[in-house]
Amino acid sequence: LGRGQAIYVKHGLPHNCLDTHDFLPEGVELQGIQLTIRDQVWRIYNVYAHVDKLYIAHNWDFLEKLSDVPRTKFLIAGDFNARSKEWGIALSSALLNS
């Protein structure tokens, strides 16, 4: 998918790829899997946010939709391009100094 995104799963660990097309806002690439670990369902997402679309606030609404699955834990990771000037100097400084 996209520009070299990947979610690696240990060989033999049962999992399902998720259809993420309904969640995709403009300028975001998304992959997802679902797996069960110790009787707990997990959804793991990999996000790539294109730097030229970060200023569109509603592009981030999809994050809430991803987590809206009852009795499911989730992890959202990836490249949010948080160091971009589009985010503003305050966020960039906080990230660089943390």
PDB file of N, CA and C in Angstrom:
ATOM      1  N   LEU A   1       0.843  -1.178   0.000  1.00  0.00           N
ATOM      2  CA  LEU A   1       0.000   0.000   0.000  1.00  0.00           C
ATOM      3  C   LEU A   1       0.883   1.233   0.000  1.00  0.00           C
ATOM      4  N   GLY A   2       0.543   2.218  -0.742  1.00  0.00           N
ATOM      5  CA  GLY A   2       1.175   3.523  -0.647  1.00  0.00           C
ATOM      6  C   GLY A   2       2.677   3.519  -0.804  1.00  0.00           C
ATOM      7  N   ARG A   3       3.343   4.169   0.119  1.00  0.00           N
ATOM      8  CA  ARG A   3       4.781   4.422   0.026  1.00  0.00           C
ATOM      9  C   ARG A   3       5.598   3.559   0.966  1.00  0.00           C
ATOM     10  N   GLY A   4       5.450   2.274   0.845  1.00  0.00           N
ATOM     11  CA  GLY A   4       6.275   1.390   1.644  1.00  0.00           C
ATOM     12  C   GLY A   4       5.775   1.148   3.049  1.00  0.00           C
ATOM     13  N   GLN A   5       4.516   1.316   3.309  1.00  0.00           N
ATOM     14  CA  GLN A   5       3.969   1.018   4.623  1.00  0.00           C
ATOM     15  C   GLN A   5       3.934  -0.485   4.834  1.00  0.00           C
ATOM     16  N   ALA A   6       4.077  -0.912   6.093  1.00  0.00           N
ATOM     17  CA  ALA A   6       3.988  -2.331   6.401  1.00  0.00           C
ATOM     18  C   ALA A   6       3.623  -2.522   7.863  1.00  0.00           C
ATOM     19  N   ILE A   7       2.865  -3.564   8.119  1.00  0.00           N
ATOM     20  CA  ILE A   7       2.624  -4.055   9.469  1.00  0.00           C
ATOM     21  C   ILE A   7       3.116  -5.498   9.457  1.00  0.00           C
ATOM     22  N   TYR A   8       4.109  -5.784  10.250  1.00  0.00           N
ATOM     23  CA  TYR A   8       4.663  -7.135  10.304  1.00  0.00           C
ATOM     24  C   TYR A   8       4.002  -7.911  11.437  1.00  0.00           C
ATOM     25  N   VAL A   9       3.614  -9.148  11.147  1.00  0.00           N
ATOM     26  CA  VAL A   9       2.973 -10.017  12.124  1.00  0.00           C
ATOM     27  C   VAL A   9       3.797 -11.299  12.226  1.00  0.00           C
ATOM     28  N   LYS A  10       4.066 -11.722  13.453  1.00  0.00           N
ATOM     29  CA  LYS A  10       4.839 -12.941  13.679  1.00  0.00           C
ATOM     30  C   LYS A  10       4.186 -14.122  12.966  1.00  0.00           C
ATOM     31  N   HIS A  11       5.012 -14.906  12.298  1.00  0.00           N
ATOM     32  CA  HIS A  11       4.535 -16.091  11.583  1.00  0.00           C
ATOM     33  C   HIS A  11       3.758 -16.991  12.541  1.00  0.00           C
ATOM     34  N   GLY A  12       2.584 -17.389  12.133  1.00  0.00           N
ATOM     35  CA  GLY A  12       1.765 -18.276  12.944  1.00  0.00           C
ATOM     36  C   GLY A  12       0.773 -17.565  13.846  1.00  0.00           C
ATOM     37  N   LEU A  13       0.876 -16.247  13.977  1.00  0.00           N
ATOM     38  CA  LEU A  13      -0.066 -15.489  14.805  1.00  0.00           C
ATOM     39  C   LEU A  13      -1.305 -15.174  13.966  1.00  0.00           C
ATOM     40  N   PRO A  14      -2.459 -15.759  14.311  1.00  0.00           N
ATOM     41  CA  PRO A  14      -3.662 -15.521  13.510  1.00  0.00           C
ATOM     42  C   PRO A  14      -4.057 -14.043  13.514  1.00  0.00           C
ATOM     43  N   HIS A  15      -4.373 -13.537  12.341  1.00  0.00           N
ATOM     44  CA  HIS A  15      -4.764 -12.134  12.209  1.00  0.00           C
ATOM     45  C   HIS A  15      -5.604 -11.969  10.946  1.00  0.00           C
ATOM     46  N   ASN A  16      -6.277 -10.842  10.852  1.00  0.00           N
ATOM     47  CA  ASN A  16      -7.056 -10.481   9.669  1.00  0.00           C
ATOM     48  C   ASN A  16      -6.668  -9.079   9.241  1.00  0.00           C
ATOM     49  N   CYS A  17      -6.558  -8.857   7.945  1.00  0.00           N
ATOM     50  CA  CYS A  17      -6.362  -7.507   7.421  1.00  0.00           C
ATOM     51  C   CYS A  17      -7.706  -6.793   7.449  1.00  0.00           C
ATOM     52  N   LEU A  18      -7.698  -5.527   7.838  1.00  0.00           N
ATOM     53  CA  LEU A  18      -8.923  -4.740   7.914  1.00  0.00           C
ATOM     54  C   LEU A  18      -9.103  -3.900   6.660  1.00  0.00           C
ATOM     55  N   ASP A  19     -10.341  -3.762   6.228  1.00  0.00           N
ATOM     56  CA  ASP A  19     -10.660  -2.863   5.122  1.00  0.00           C
ATOM     57  C   ASP A  19     -10.751  -1.453   5.697  1.00  0.00           C
ATOM     58  N   THR A  20      -9.819  -0.599   5.342  1.00  0.00           N
ATOM     59  CA  THR A  20      -9.755   0.754   5.906  1.00  0.00           C
ATOM     60  C   THR A  20     -10.245   1.822   4.937  1.00  0.00           C
ATOM     61  N   HIS A  21     -10.769   1.428   3.792  1.00  0.00           N
ATOM     62  CA  HIS A  21     -11.168   2.409   2.781  1.00  0.00           C
ATOM     63  C   HIS A  21     -12.240   3.381   3.264  1.00  0.00           C
ATOM     64  N   ASP A  22     -13.127   2.942   4.159  1.00  0.00           N
ATOM     65  CA  ASP A  22     -14.180   3.828   4.661  1.00  0.00           C
ATOM     66  C   ASP A  22     -13.633   4.922   5.570  1.00  0.00           C
ATOM     67  N   PHE A  23     -12.431   4.749   6.085  1.00  0.00           N
ATOM     68  CA  PHE A  23     -11.842   5.701   7.017  1.00  0.00           C
ATOM     69  C   PHE A  23     -10.933   6.729   6.351  1.00  0.00           C
ATOM     70  N   LEU A  24     -10.589   6.514   5.089  1.00  0.00           N
ATOM     71  CA  LEU A  24      -9.523   7.295   4.475  1.00  0.00           C
ATOM     72  C   LEU A  24      -9.917   8.724   4.133  1.00  0.00           C
ATOM     73  N   PRO A  25      -9.380   9.693   4.859  1.00  0.00           N
ATOM     74  CA  PRO A  25      -9.555  11.088   4.457  1.00  0.00           C
ATOM     75  C   PRO A  25      -8.508  11.449   3.407  1.00  0.00           C
ATOM     76  N   GLU A  26      -8.660  12.596   2.823  1.00  0.00           N
ATOM     77  CA  GLU A  26      -7.706  13.073   1.827  1.00  0.00           C
ATOM     78  C   GLU A  26      -6.332  13.237   2.469  1.00  0.00           C
ATOM     79  N   GLY A  27      -5.315  12.716   1.812  1.00  0.00           N
ATOM     80  CA  GLY A  27      -3.946  12.915   2.268  1.00  0.00           C
ATOM     81  C   GLY A  27      -3.466  11.951   3.335  1.00  0.00           C
ATOM     82  N   VAL A  28      -4.234  10.888   3.601  1.00  0.00           N
ATOM     83  CA  VAL A  28      -3.831   9.918   4.616  1.00  0.00           C
ATOM     84  C   VAL A  28      -3.854   8.521   4.004  1.00  0.00           C
ATOM     85  N   GLU A  29      -2.804   7.758   4.258  1.00  0.00           N
ATOM     86  CA  GLU A  29      -2.756   6.352   3.870  1.00  0.00           C
ATOM     87  C   GLU A  29      -2.862   5.537   5.152  1.00  0.00           C
ATOM     88  N   LEU A  30      -3.592   4.435   5.091  1.00  0.00           N
ATOM     89  CA  LEU A  30      -3.911   3.692   6.304  1.00  0.00           C
ATOM     90  C   LEU A  30      -3.948   2.195   6.027  1.00  0.00           C
ATOM     91  N   GLN A  31      -3.350   1.431   6.934  1.00  0.00           N
ATOM     92  CA  GLN A  31      -3.419  -0.031   6.932  1.00  0.00           C
ATOM     93  C   GLN A  31      -3.907  -0.459   8.303  1.00  0.00           C
ATOM     94  N   GLY A  32      -4.534  -1.615   8.375  1.00  0.00           N
ATOM     95  CA  GLY A  32      -4.972  -2.118   9.670  1.00  0.00           C
ATOM     96  C   GLY A  32      -5.056  -3.628   9.706  1.00  0.00           C
ATOM     97  N   ILE A  33      -4.809  -4.169  10.896  1.00  0.00           N
ATOM     98  CA  ILE A  33      -4.992  -5.598  11.128  1.00  0.00           C
ATOM     99  C   ILE A  33      -5.773  -5.779  12.426  1.00  0.00           C
ATOM    100  N   GLN A  34      -6.385  -6.941  12.559  1.00  0.00           N
ATOM    101  CA  GLN A  34      -7.042  -7.307  13.808  1.00  0.00           C
ATOM    102  C   GLN A  34      -6.495  -8.654  14.236  1.00  0.00           C
ATOM    103  N   LEU A  35      -6.178  -8.763  15.528  1.00  0.00           N
ATOM    104  CA  LEU A  35      -5.686 -10.022  16.060  1.00  0.00           C
ATOM    105  C   LEU A  35      -6.146 -10.171  17.493  1.00  0.00           C
ATOM    106  N   THR A  36      -6.037 -11.381  18.007  1.00  0.00           N
ATOM    107  CA  THR A  36      -6.426 -11.657  19.387  1.00  0.00           C
ATOM    108  C   THR A  36      -5.198 -12.127  20.151  1.00  0.00           C
ATOM    109  N   ILE A  37      -4.942 -11.454  21.277  1.00  0.00           N
ATOM    110  CA  ILE A  37      -3.816 -11.793  22.144  1.00  0.00           C
ATOM    111  C   ILE A  37      -4.373 -12.022  23.544  1.00  0.00           C
ATOM    112  N   ARG A  38      -4.207 -13.221  24.063  1.00  0.00           N
ATOM    113  CA  ARG A  38      -4.704 -13.575  25.406  1.00  0.00           C
ATOM    114  C   ARG A  38      -6.177 -13.211  25.567  1.00  0.00           C
ATOM    115  N   ASP A  39      -6.981 -13.632  24.644  1.00  0.00           N
ATOM    116  CA  ASP A  39      -8.433 -13.425  24.648  1.00  0.00           C
ATOM    117  C   ASP A  39      -8.847 -11.960  24.540  1.00  0.00           C
ATOM    118  N   GLN A  40      -7.943 -11.088  24.145  1.00  0.00           N
ATOM    119  CA  GLN A  40      -8.269  -9.671  23.948  1.00  0.00           C
ATOM    120  C   GLN A  40      -8.109  -9.328  22.470  1.00  0.00           C
ATOM    121  N   VAL A  41      -9.169  -8.755  21.882  1.00  0.00           N
ATOM    122  CA  VAL A  41      -9.121  -8.351  20.478  1.00  0.00           C
ATOM    123  C   VAL A  41      -8.390  -7.017  20.375  1.00  0.00           C
ATOM    124  N   TRP A  42      -7.450  -6.956  19.458  1.00  0.00           N
ATOM    125  CA  TRP A  42      -6.672  -5.746  19.182  1.00  0.00           C
ATOM    126  C   TRP A  42      -6.832  -5.353  17.724  1.00  0.00           C
ATOM    127  N   ARG A  43      -6.892  -4.068  17.473  1.00  0.00           N
ATOM    128  CA  ARG A  43      -6.784  -3.530  16.122  1.00  0.00           C
ATOM    129  C   ARG A  43      -5.540  -2.648  16.097  1.00  0.00           C
ATOM    130  N   ILE A  44      -4.688  -2.892  15.129  1.00  0.00           N
ATOM    131  CA  ILE A  44      -3.444  -2.134  14.995  1.00  0.00           C
ATOM    132  C   ILE A  44      -3.468  -1.444  13.642  1.00  0.00           C
ATOM    133  N   TYR A  45      -3.236  -0.131  13.672  1.00  0.00           N
ATOM    134  CA  TYR A  45      -3.282   0.677  12.454  1.00  0.00           C
ATOM    135  C   TYR A  45      -1.935   1.333  12.198  1.00  0.00           C
ATOM    136  N   ASN A  46      -1.599   1.453  10.935  1.00  0.00           N
ATOM    137  CA  ASN A  46      -0.396   2.135  10.480  1.00  0.00           C
ATOM    138  C   ASN A  46      -0.844   3.304   9.604  1.00  0.00           C
ATOM    139  N   VAL A  47      -0.461   4.514   9.991  1.00  0.00           N
ATOM    140  CA  VAL A  47      -0.905   5.739   9.321  1.00  0.00           C
ATOM    141  C   VAL A  47       0.270   6.432   8.650  1.00  0.00           C
ATOM    142  N   TYR A  48       0.046   6.935   7.460  1.00  0.00           N
ATOM    143  CA  TYR A  48       0.993   7.860   6.835  1.00  0.00           C
ATOM    144  C   TYR A  48       0.209   9.105   6.445  1.00  0.00           C
ATOM    145  N   ALA A  49       0.581  10.249   7.012  1.00  0.00           N
ATOM    146  CA  ALA A  49      -0.083  11.518   6.719  1.00  0.00           C
ATOM    147  C   ALA A  49       0.798  12.329   5.780  1.00  0.00           C
ATOM    148  N   HIS A  50       0.252  12.648   4.621  1.00  0.00           N
ATOM    149  CA  HIS A  50       0.985  13.477   3.665  1.00  0.00           C
ATOM    150  C   HIS A  50       1.123  14.889   4.227  1.00  0.00           C
ATOM    151  N   VAL A  51       2.306  15.422   4.165  1.00  0.00           N
ATOM    152  CA  VAL A  51       2.603  16.709   4.785  1.00  0.00           C
ATOM    153  C   VAL A  51       1.773  17.854   4.203  1.00  0.00           C
ATOM    154  N   ASP A  52       1.391  17.792   2.947  1.00  0.00           N
ATOM    155  CA  ASP A  52       0.662  18.903   2.335  1.00  0.00           C
ATOM    156  C   ASP A  52      -0.823  18.902   2.671  1.00  0.00           C
ATOM    157  N   LYS A  53      -1.311  17.930   3.436  1.00  0.00           N
ATOM    158  CA  LYS A  53      -2.729  17.878   3.803  1.00  0.00           C
ATOM    159  C   LYS A  53      -2.952  18.023   5.307  1.00  0.00           C
ATOM    160  N   LEU A  54      -1.910  18.290   6.070  1.00  0.00           N
ATOM    161  CA  LEU A  54      -2.029  18.341   7.522  1.00  0.00           C
ATOM    162  C   LEU A  54      -2.865  19.502   8.028  1.00  0.00           C
ATOM    163  N   TYR A  55      -2.970  20.548   7.256  1.00  0.00           N
ATOM    164  CA  TYR A  55      -3.692  21.732   7.705  1.00  0.00           C
ATOM    165  C   TYR A  55      -5.203  21.532   7.686  1.00  0.00           C
ATOM    166  N   ILE A  56      -5.697  20.488   7.069  1.00  0.00           N
ATOM    167  CA  ILE A  56      -7.135  20.253   6.979  1.00  0.00           C
ATOM    168  C   ILE A  56      -7.580  19.544   8.254  1.00  0.00           C
ATOM    169  N   ALA A  57      -8.216  20.289   9.155  1.00  0.00           N
ATOM    170  CA  ALA A  57      -8.537  19.769  10.486  1.00  0.00           C
ATOM    171  C   ALA A  57      -9.409  18.523  10.439  1.00  0.00           C
ATOM    172  N   HIS A  58     -10.408  18.491   9.569  1.00  0.00           N
ATOM    173  CA  HIS A  58     -11.308  17.334   9.554  1.00  0.00           C
ATOM    174  C   HIS A  58     -10.618  16.065   9.067  1.00  0.00           C
ATOM    175  N   ASN A  59      -9.427  16.185   8.527  1.00  0.00           N
ATOM    176  CA  ASN A  59      -8.685  14.988   8.122  1.00  0.00           C
ATOM    177  C   ASN A  59      -8.331  14.102   9.315  1.00  0.00           C
ATOM    178  N   TRP A  60      -8.378  14.642  10.519  1.00  0.00           N
ATOM    179  CA  TRP A  60      -7.998  13.866  11.694  1.00  0.00           C
ATOM    180  C   TRP A  60      -9.195  13.230  12.389  1.00  0.00           C
ATOM    181  N   ASP A  61     -10.413  13.491  11.922  1.00  0.00           N
ATOM    182  CA  ASP A  61     -11.608  12.904  12.525  1.00  0.00           C
ATOM    183  C   ASP A  61     -11.602  11.380  12.450  1.00  0.00           C
ATOM    184  N   PHE A  62     -10.930  10.829  11.463  1.00  0.00           N
ATOM    185  CA  PHE A  62     -10.913   9.375  11.294  1.00  0.00           C
ATOM    186  C   PHE A  62     -10.291   8.654  12.486  1.00  0.00           C
ATOM    187  N   LEU A  63      -9.432   9.331  13.251  1.00  0.00           N
ATOM    188  CA  LEU A  63      -8.796   8.684  14.397  1.00  0.00           C
ATOM    189  C   LEU A  63      -9.835   8.238  15.424  1.00  0.00           C
ATOM    190  N   GLU A  64     -10.877   9.046  15.634  1.00  0.00           N
ATOM    191  CA  GLU A  64     -11.937   8.659  16.566  1.00  0.00           C
ATOM    192  C   GLU A  64     -12.723   7.469  16.037  1.00  0.00           C
ATOM    193  N   LYS A  65     -12.971   7.437  14.742  1.00  0.00           N
ATOM    194  CA  LYS A  65     -13.715   6.324  14.148  1.00  0.00           C
ATOM    195  C   LYS A  65     -12.949   5.008  14.294  1.00  0.00           C
ATOM    196  N   LEU A  66     -11.640   5.072  14.190  1.00  0.00           N
ATOM    197  CA  LEU A  66     -10.827   3.858  14.306  1.00  0.00           C
ATOM    198  C   LEU A  66     -10.967   3.211  15.676  1.00  0.00           C
ATOM    199  N   SER A  67     -11.139   4.029  16.693  1.00  0.00           N
ATOM    200  CA  SER A  67     -11.187   3.519  18.064  1.00  0.00           C
ATOM    201  C   SER A  67     -12.603   3.197  18.529  1.00  0.00           C
ATOM    202  N   ASP A  68     -13.593   3.373  17.675  1.00  0.00           N
ATOM    203  CA  ASP A  68     -14.994   3.209  18.057  1.00  0.00           C
ATOM    204  C   ASP A  68     -15.487   1.784  17.802  1.00  0.00           C
ATOM    205  N   VAL A  69     -14.816   0.811  18.399  1.00  0.00           N
ATOM    206  CA  VAL A  69     -15.207  -0.593  18.276  1.00  0.00           C
ATOM    207  C   VAL A  69     -15.289  -1.156  19.698  1.00  0.00           C
ATOM    208  N   PRO A  70     -16.496  -1.513  20.151  1.00  0.00           N
ATOM    209  CA  PRO A  70     -16.653  -2.002  21.529  1.00  0.00           C
ATOM    210  C   PRO A  70     -15.785  -3.226  21.818  1.00  0.00           C
ATOM    211  N   ARG A  71     -15.303  -3.313  23.046  1.00  0.00           N
ATOM    212  CA  ARG A  71     -14.515  -4.447  23.547  1.00  0.00           C
ATOM    213  C   ARG A  71     -13.262  -4.730  22.717  1.00  0.00           C
ATOM    214  N   THR A  72     -12.724  -3.697  22.123  1.00  0.00           N
ATOM    215  CA  THR A  72     -11.523  -3.855  21.306  1.00  0.00           C
ATOM    216  C   THR A  72     -10.484  -2.827  21.729  1.00  0.00           C
ATOM    217  N   LYS A  73      -9.286  -3.275  21.962  1.00  0.00           N
ATOM    218  CA  LYS A  73      -8.178  -2.351  22.216  1.00  0.00           C
ATOM    219  C   LYS A  73      -7.578  -1.985  20.872  1.00  0.00           C
ATOM    220  N   PHE A  74      -6.904  -0.844  20.814  1.00  0.00           N
ATOM    221  CA  PHE A  74      -6.331  -0.422  19.546  1.00  0.00           C
ATOM    222  C   PHE A  74      -5.011   0.294  19.757  1.00  0.00           C
ATOM    223  N   LEU A  75      -4.208   0.265  18.705  1.00  0.00           N
ATOM    224  CA  LEU A  75      -2.925   0.957  18.663  1.00  0.00           C
ATOM    225  C   LEU A  75      -2.844   1.646  17.314  1.00  0.00           C
ATOM    226  N   ILE A  76      -2.592   2.939  17.339  1.00  0.00           N
ATOM    227  CA  ILE A  76      -2.439   3.707  16.106  1.00  0.00           C
ATOM    228  C   ILE A  76      -1.016   4.241  16.088  1.00  0.00           C
ATOM    229  N   ALA A  77      -0.263   3.862  15.064  1.00  0.00           N
ATOM    230  CA  ALA A  77       1.130   4.281  14.942  1.00  0.00           C
ATOM    231  C   ALA A  77       1.387   4.682  13.501  1.00  0.00           C
ATOM    232  N   GLY A  78       2.543   5.247  13.244  1.00  0.00           N
ATOM    233  CA  GLY A  78       2.895   5.572  11.874  1.00  0.00           C
ATOM    234  C   GLY A  78       3.634   6.888  11.764  1.00  0.00           C
ATOM    235  N   ASP A  79       3.591   7.444  10.577  1.00  0.00           N
ATOM    236  CA  ASP A  79       4.265   8.707  10.275  1.00  0.00           C
ATOM    237  C   ASP A  79       3.210   9.788  10.109  1.00  0.00           C
ATOM    238  N   PHE A  80       3.070  10.618  11.143  1.00  0.00           N
ATOM    239  CA  PHE A  80       2.099  11.702  11.126  1.00  0.00           C
ATOM    240  C   PHE A  80       2.714  13.007  10.626  1.00  0.00           C
ATOM    241  N   ASN A  81       3.978  12.972  10.227  1.00  0.00           N
ATOM    242  CA  ASN A  81       4.701  14.164   9.790  1.00  0.00           C
ATOM    243  C   ASN A  81       4.567  15.295  10.802  1.00  0.00           C
ATOM    244  N   ALA A  82       4.710  14.962  12.073  1.00  0.00           N
ATOM    245  CA  ALA A  82       4.505  15.924  13.152  1.00  0.00           C
ATOM    246  C   ALA A  82       5.569  17.012  13.204  1.00  0.00           C
ATOM    247  N   ARG A  83       6.674  16.835  12.527  1.00  0.00           N
ATOM    248  CA  ARG A  83       7.704  17.880  12.524  1.00  0.00           C
ATOM    249  C   ARG A  83       7.484  18.893  11.411  1.00  0.00           C
ATOM    250  N   SER A  84       6.448  18.719  10.651  1.00  0.00           N
ATOM    251  CA  SER A  84       6.167  19.624   9.542  1.00  0.00           C
ATOM    252  C   SER A  84       5.839  21.027  10.043  1.00  0.00           C
ATOM    253  N   LYS A  85       6.195  22.029   9.277  1.00  0.00           N
ATOM    254  CA  LYS A  85       5.841  23.411   9.602  1.00  0.00           C
ATOM    255  C   LYS A  85       4.337  23.607   9.604  1.00  0.00           C
ATOM    256  N   GLU A  86       3.604  22.739   8.899  1.00  0.00           N
ATOM    257  CA  GLU A  86       2.148  22.827   8.862  1.00  0.00           C
ATOM    258  C   GLU A  86       1.533  22.669  10.252  1.00  0.00           C
ATOM    259  N   TRP A  87       2.218  21.969  11.154  1.00  0.00           N
ATOM    260  CA  TRP A  87       1.707  21.762  12.504  1.00  0.00           C
ATOM    261  C   TRP A  87       1.927  22.990  13.380  1.00  0.00           C
ATOM    262  N   GLY A  88       2.841  23.828  13.001  1.00  0.00           N
ATOM    263  CA  GLY A  88       3.140  24.997  13.821  1.00  0.00           C
ATOM    264  C   GLY A  88       4.380  24.778  14.664  1.00  0.00           C
ATOM    265  N   ILE A  89       5.013  25.857  15.038  1.00  0.00           N
ATOM    266  CA  ILE A  89       6.283  25.808  15.753  1.00  0.00           C
ATOM    267  C   ILE A  89       6.137  25.246  17.166  1.00  0.00           C
ATOM    268  N   ALA A  90       5.005  25.478  17.825  1.00  0.00           N
ATOM    269  CA  ALA A  90       4.841  25.012  19.203  1.00  0.00           C
ATOM    270  C   ALA A  90       4.905  23.491  19.281  1.00  0.00           C
ATOM    271  N   LEU A  91       4.194  22.816  18.411  1.00  0.00           N
ATOM    272  CA  LEU A  91       4.208  21.356  18.430  1.00  0.00           C
ATOM    273  C   LEU A  91       5.575  20.829  18.021  1.00  0.00           C
ATOM    274  N   SER A  92       6.162  21.425  17.008  1.00  0.00           N
ATOM    275  CA  SER A  92       7.487  20.985  16.567  1.00  0.00           C
ATOM    276  C   SER A  92       8.499  21.106  17.693  1.00  0.00           C
ATOM    277  N   SER A  93       8.476  22.218  18.408  1.00  0.00           N
ATOM    278  CA  SER A  93       9.414  22.423  19.513  1.00  0.00           C
ATOM    279  C   SER A  93       9.190  21.408  20.619  1.00  0.00           C
ATOM    280  N   ALA A  94       7.934  21.161  20.944  1.00  0.00           N
ATOM    281  CA  ALA A  94       7.630  20.203  22.005  1.00  0.00           C
ATOM    282  C   ALA A  94       8.128  18.813  21.637  1.00  0.00           C
ATOM    283  N   LEU A  95       7.931  18.414  20.403  1.00  0.00           N
ATOM    284  CA  LEU A  95       8.373  17.090  19.978  1.00  0.00           C
ATOM    285  C   LEU A  95       9.886  16.986  19.937  1.00  0.00           C
ATOM    286  N   LEU A  96      10.545  18.013  19.452  1.00  0.00           N
ATOM    287  CA  LEU A  96      11.997  17.974  19.329  1.00  0.00           C
ATOM    288  C   LEU A  96      12.692  18.037  20.677  1.00  0.00           C
ATOM    289  N   ASN A  97      12.049  18.651  21.679  1.00  0.00           N
ATOM    290  CA  ASN A  97      12.664  18.815  22.990  1.00  0.00           C
ATOM    291  C   ASN A  97      12.213  17.776  24.005  1.00  0.00           C
ATOM    292  N   SER A  98      11.394  16.827  23.586  1.00  0.00           N
ATOM    293  CA  SER A  98      10.892  15.839  24.552  1.00  0.00           C
ATOM    294  C   SER A  98      11.784  14.615  24.613  1.00  0.00           C
TER     295      SER A  98
END
